[in-house]
Amino acid sequence: MNGKRTSFLLLIAASCSVFASAVVAADAGSTGPGQDSYITAKVKTELVTDSTTKARHINVTTKDGVVALTGTVDSDAEKERAEQDARHVKGVVDVINKLDVKQ
């Protein structure tokens, strides 16, 4: 079962990377919607490849380099880790962490 989950996560990460590469090729050096799309894709990739976050429960949007995280996570630690992952992405200006922790 763990092997299937790992394969699934790697497939999603690869898909996000391909998408991000396409965006970069189309919008290299630009700012605005193309750069925001690239940042969103890279943040999603970071979340998918981080085993401590459940990326499928985290929504990512980016506007002018500001990333907004919404959705539900299991713990304060997961919430903090998701924010750290987003801040790690090149081009991110700020992160608005609106993730809810399950009670």
C-alpha atoms as a PDB file:
ATOM      1  CA  MET A   1       0.000   0.000   0.000  1.00  0.00           C
ATOM      2  CA  ASN A   2       2.820   2.395   0.836  1.00  0.00           C
ATOM      3  CA  GLY A   3       4.380   1.727  -2.575  1.00  0.00           C
ATOM      4  CA  LYS A   4       1.152   2.682  -4.333  1.00  0.00           C
ATOM      5  CA  ARG A   5       0.922   5.947  -2.366  1.00  0.00           C
ATOM      6  CA  THR A   6       4.539   6.780  -3.163  1.00  0.00           C
ATOM      7  CA  SER A   7       4.013   6.047  -6.853  1.00  0.00           C
ATOM      8  CA  PHE A   8       0.889   8.207  -6.878  1.00  0.00           C
ATOM      9  CA  LEU A   9       2.692  11.100  -5.196  1.00  0.00           C
ATOM     10  CA  LEU A  10       5.622  10.836  -7.600  1.00  0.00           C
ATOM     11  CA  LEU A  11       3.220  10.854 -10.551  1.00  0.00           C
ATOM     12  CA  ILE A  12       1.521  14.006  -9.269  1.00  0.00           C
ATOM     13  CA  ALA A  13       4.872  15.659  -8.565  1.00  0.00           C
ATOM     14  CA  ALA A  14       6.096  14.831 -12.067  1.00  0.00           C
ATOM     15  CA  SER A  15       2.887  16.210 -13.574  1.00  0.00           C
ATOM     16  CA  CYS A  16       3.227  19.439 -11.605  1.00  0.00           C
ATOM     17  CA  SER A  17       6.872  19.734 -12.646  1.00  0.00           C
ATOM     18  CA  VAL A  18       6.006  19.298 -16.317  1.00  0.00           C
ATOM     19  CA  PHE A  19       3.294  21.935 -16.011  1.00  0.00           C
ATOM     20  CA  ALA A  20       5.621  24.299 -14.170  1.00  0.00           C
ATOM     21  CA  SER A  21       8.322  23.831 -16.814  1.00  0.00           C
ATOM     22  CA  ALA A  22       5.856  24.676 -19.550  1.00  0.00           C
ATOM     23  CA  VAL A  23       4.795  27.823 -17.732  1.00  0.00           C
ATOM     24  CA  VAL A  24       8.404  28.874 -17.217  1.00  0.00           C
ATOM     25  CA  ALA A  25       9.197  28.357 -20.883  1.00  0.00           C
ATOM     26  CA  ALA A  26       6.206  30.475 -21.864  1.00  0.00           C
ATOM     27  CA  ASP A  27       6.684  33.196 -19.261  1.00  0.00           C
ATOM     28  CA  ALA A  28      10.396  33.264 -18.448  1.00  0.00           C
ATOM     29  CA  GLY A  29      11.319  36.547 -16.812  1.00  0.00           C
ATOM     30  CA  SER A  30       7.767  37.859 -16.710  1.00  0.00           C
ATOM     31  CA  THR A  31       5.597  38.862 -13.790  1.00  0.00           C
ATOM     32  CA  GLY A  32       1.859  38.544 -13.475  1.00  0.00           C
ATOM     33  CA  PRO A  33      -0.494  35.657 -14.221  1.00  0.00           C
ATOM     34  CA  GLY A  34       2.120  33.438 -15.886  1.00  0.00           C
ATOM     35  CA  GLN A  35       4.529  33.808 -12.987  1.00  0.00           C
ATOM     36  CA  ASP A  36       1.672  33.243 -10.530  1.00  0.00           C
ATOM     37  CA  SER A  37       0.761  30.006 -12.339  1.00  0.00           C
ATOM     38  CA  TYR A  38       4.374  28.879 -12.111  1.00  0.00           C
ATOM     39  CA  ILE A  39       4.513  29.655  -8.370  1.00  0.00           C
ATOM     40  CA  THR A  40       1.235  27.826  -7.730  1.00  0.00           C
ATOM     41  CA  ALA A  41       2.506  24.748  -9.570  1.00  0.00           C
ATOM     42  CA  LYS A  42       5.819  24.797  -7.692  1.00  0.00           C
ATOM     43  CA  VAL A  43       4.096  25.162  -4.304  1.00  0.00           C
ATOM     44  CA  LYS A  44       1.792  22.242  -5.129  1.00  0.00           C
ATOM     45  CA  THR A  45       4.827  20.181  -6.091  1.00  0.00           C
ATOM     46  CA  GLU A  46       6.512  21.029  -2.778  1.00  0.00           C
ATOM     47  CA  LEU A  47       3.399  20.001  -0.855  1.00  0.00           C
ATOM     48  CA  VAL A  48       3.029  16.723  -2.777  1.00  0.00           C
ATOM     49  CA  THR A  49       6.644  15.724  -2.286  1.00  0.00           C
ATOM     50  CA  ASP A  50       6.602  16.561   1.444  1.00  0.00           C
ATOM     51  CA  SER A  51       5.465  13.435   3.277  1.00  0.00           C
ATOM     52  CA  THR A  52       4.295  15.506   6.268  1.00  0.00           C
ATOM     53  CA  THR A  53       1.597  17.357   4.326  1.00  0.00           C
ATOM     54  CA  LYS A  54      -1.601  16.021   2.773  1.00  0.00           C
ATOM     55  CA  ALA A  55      -1.545  18.043  -0.411  1.00  0.00           C
ATOM     56  CA  ARG A  56      -4.912  16.834  -1.649  1.00  0.00           C
ATOM     57  CA  HIS A  57      -6.555  18.755   1.221  1.00  0.00           C
ATOM     58  CA  ILE A  58      -4.647  21.989   0.577  1.00  0.00           C
ATOM     59  CA  ASN A  59      -5.721  24.515  -2.054  1.00  0.00           C
ATOM     60  CA  VAL A  60      -3.106  26.909  -3.421  1.00  0.00           C
ATOM     61  CA  THR A  61      -3.732  30.199  -5.209  1.00  0.00           C
ATOM     62  CA  THR A  62      -1.240  32.908  -6.114  1.00  0.00           C
ATOM     63  CA  LYS A  63      -1.754  36.573  -6.961  1.00  0.00           C
ATOM     64  CA  ASP A  64       1.190  38.891  -7.585  1.00  0.00           C
ATOM     65  CA  GLY A  65       3.526  36.419  -5.879  1.00  0.00           C
ATOM     66  CA  VAL A  66       1.394  36.157  -2.736  1.00  0.00           C
ATOM     67  CA  VAL A  67       0.410  32.552  -2.061  1.00  0.00           C
ATOM     68  CA  ALA A  68      -2.836  31.748  -0.243  1.00  0.00           C
ATOM     69  CA  LEU A  69      -3.215  28.335   1.377  1.00  0.00           C
ATOM     70  CA  THR A  70      -6.737  27.153   2.194  1.00  0.00           C
ATOM     71  CA  GLY A  71      -8.249  23.829   3.191  1.00  0.00           C
ATOM     72  CA  THR A  72      -8.034  21.528   6.178  1.00  0.00           C
ATOM     73  CA  VAL A  73      -5.025  19.855   7.778  1.00  0.00           C
ATOM     74  CA  ASP A  74      -4.653  17.419  10.677  1.00  0.00           C
ATOM     75  CA  SER A  75      -2.358  19.418  12.958  1.00  0.00           C
ATOM     76  CA  ASP A  76      -0.695  22.731  13.699  1.00  0.00           C
ATOM     77  CA  ALA A  77       2.598  21.128  12.643  1.00  0.00           C
ATOM     78  CA  GLU A  78       1.182  20.248   9.216  1.00  0.00           C
ATOM     79  CA  LYS A  79      -0.183  23.790   8.854  1.00  0.00           C
ATOM     80  CA  GLU A  80       3.223  25.280   9.664  1.00  0.00           C
ATOM     81  CA  ARG A  81       5.032  22.845   7.372  1.00  0.00           C
ATOM     82  CA  ALA A  82       2.744  23.721   4.437  1.00  0.00           C
ATOM     83  CA  GLU A  83       3.544  27.397   4.950  1.00  0.00           C
ATOM     84  CA  GLN A  84       7.282  26.647   5.110  1.00  0.00           C
ATOM     85  CA  ASP A  85       7.030  24.643   1.868  1.00  0.00           C
ATOM     86  CA  ALA A  86       5.295  27.581   0.159  1.00  0.00           C
ATOM     87  CA  ARG A  87       7.847  30.111   1.400  1.00  0.00           C
ATOM     88  CA  HIS A  88      10.631  27.894   0.061  1.00  0.00           C
ATOM     89  CA  VAL A  89       9.496  28.419  -3.554  1.00  0.00           C
ATOM     90  CA  LYS A  90      11.411  30.999  -5.572  1.00  0.00           C
ATOM     91  CA  GLY A  91       9.259  34.007  -6.466  1.00  0.00           C
ATOM     92  CA  VAL A  92       6.955  33.798  -3.445  1.00  0.00           C
ATOM     93  CA  VAL A  93       6.561  37.279  -1.951  1.00  0.00           C
ATOM     94  CA  ASP A  94       4.375  36.298   1.012  1.00  0.00           C
ATOM     95  CA  VAL A  95       2.165  33.462   2.240  1.00  0.00           C
ATOM     96  CA  ILE A  96      -1.329  33.855   3.636  1.00  0.00           C
ATOM     97  CA  ASN A  97      -1.988  30.699   5.633  1.00  0.00           C
ATOM     98  CA  LYS A  98      -5.737  30.191   6.024  1.00  0.00           C
ATOM     99  CA  LEU A  99      -5.493  26.445   6.646  1.00  0.00           C
ATOM    100  CA  ASP A 100      -7.932  25.105   9.237  1.00  0.00           C
ATOM    101  CA  VAL A 101      -6.764  22.471  11.723  1.00  0.00           C
ATOM    102  CA  LYS A 102      -9.193  19.599  12.297  1.00  0.00           C
ATOM    103  CA  GLN A 103     -10.523  19.565  15.844  1.00  0.00           C
END
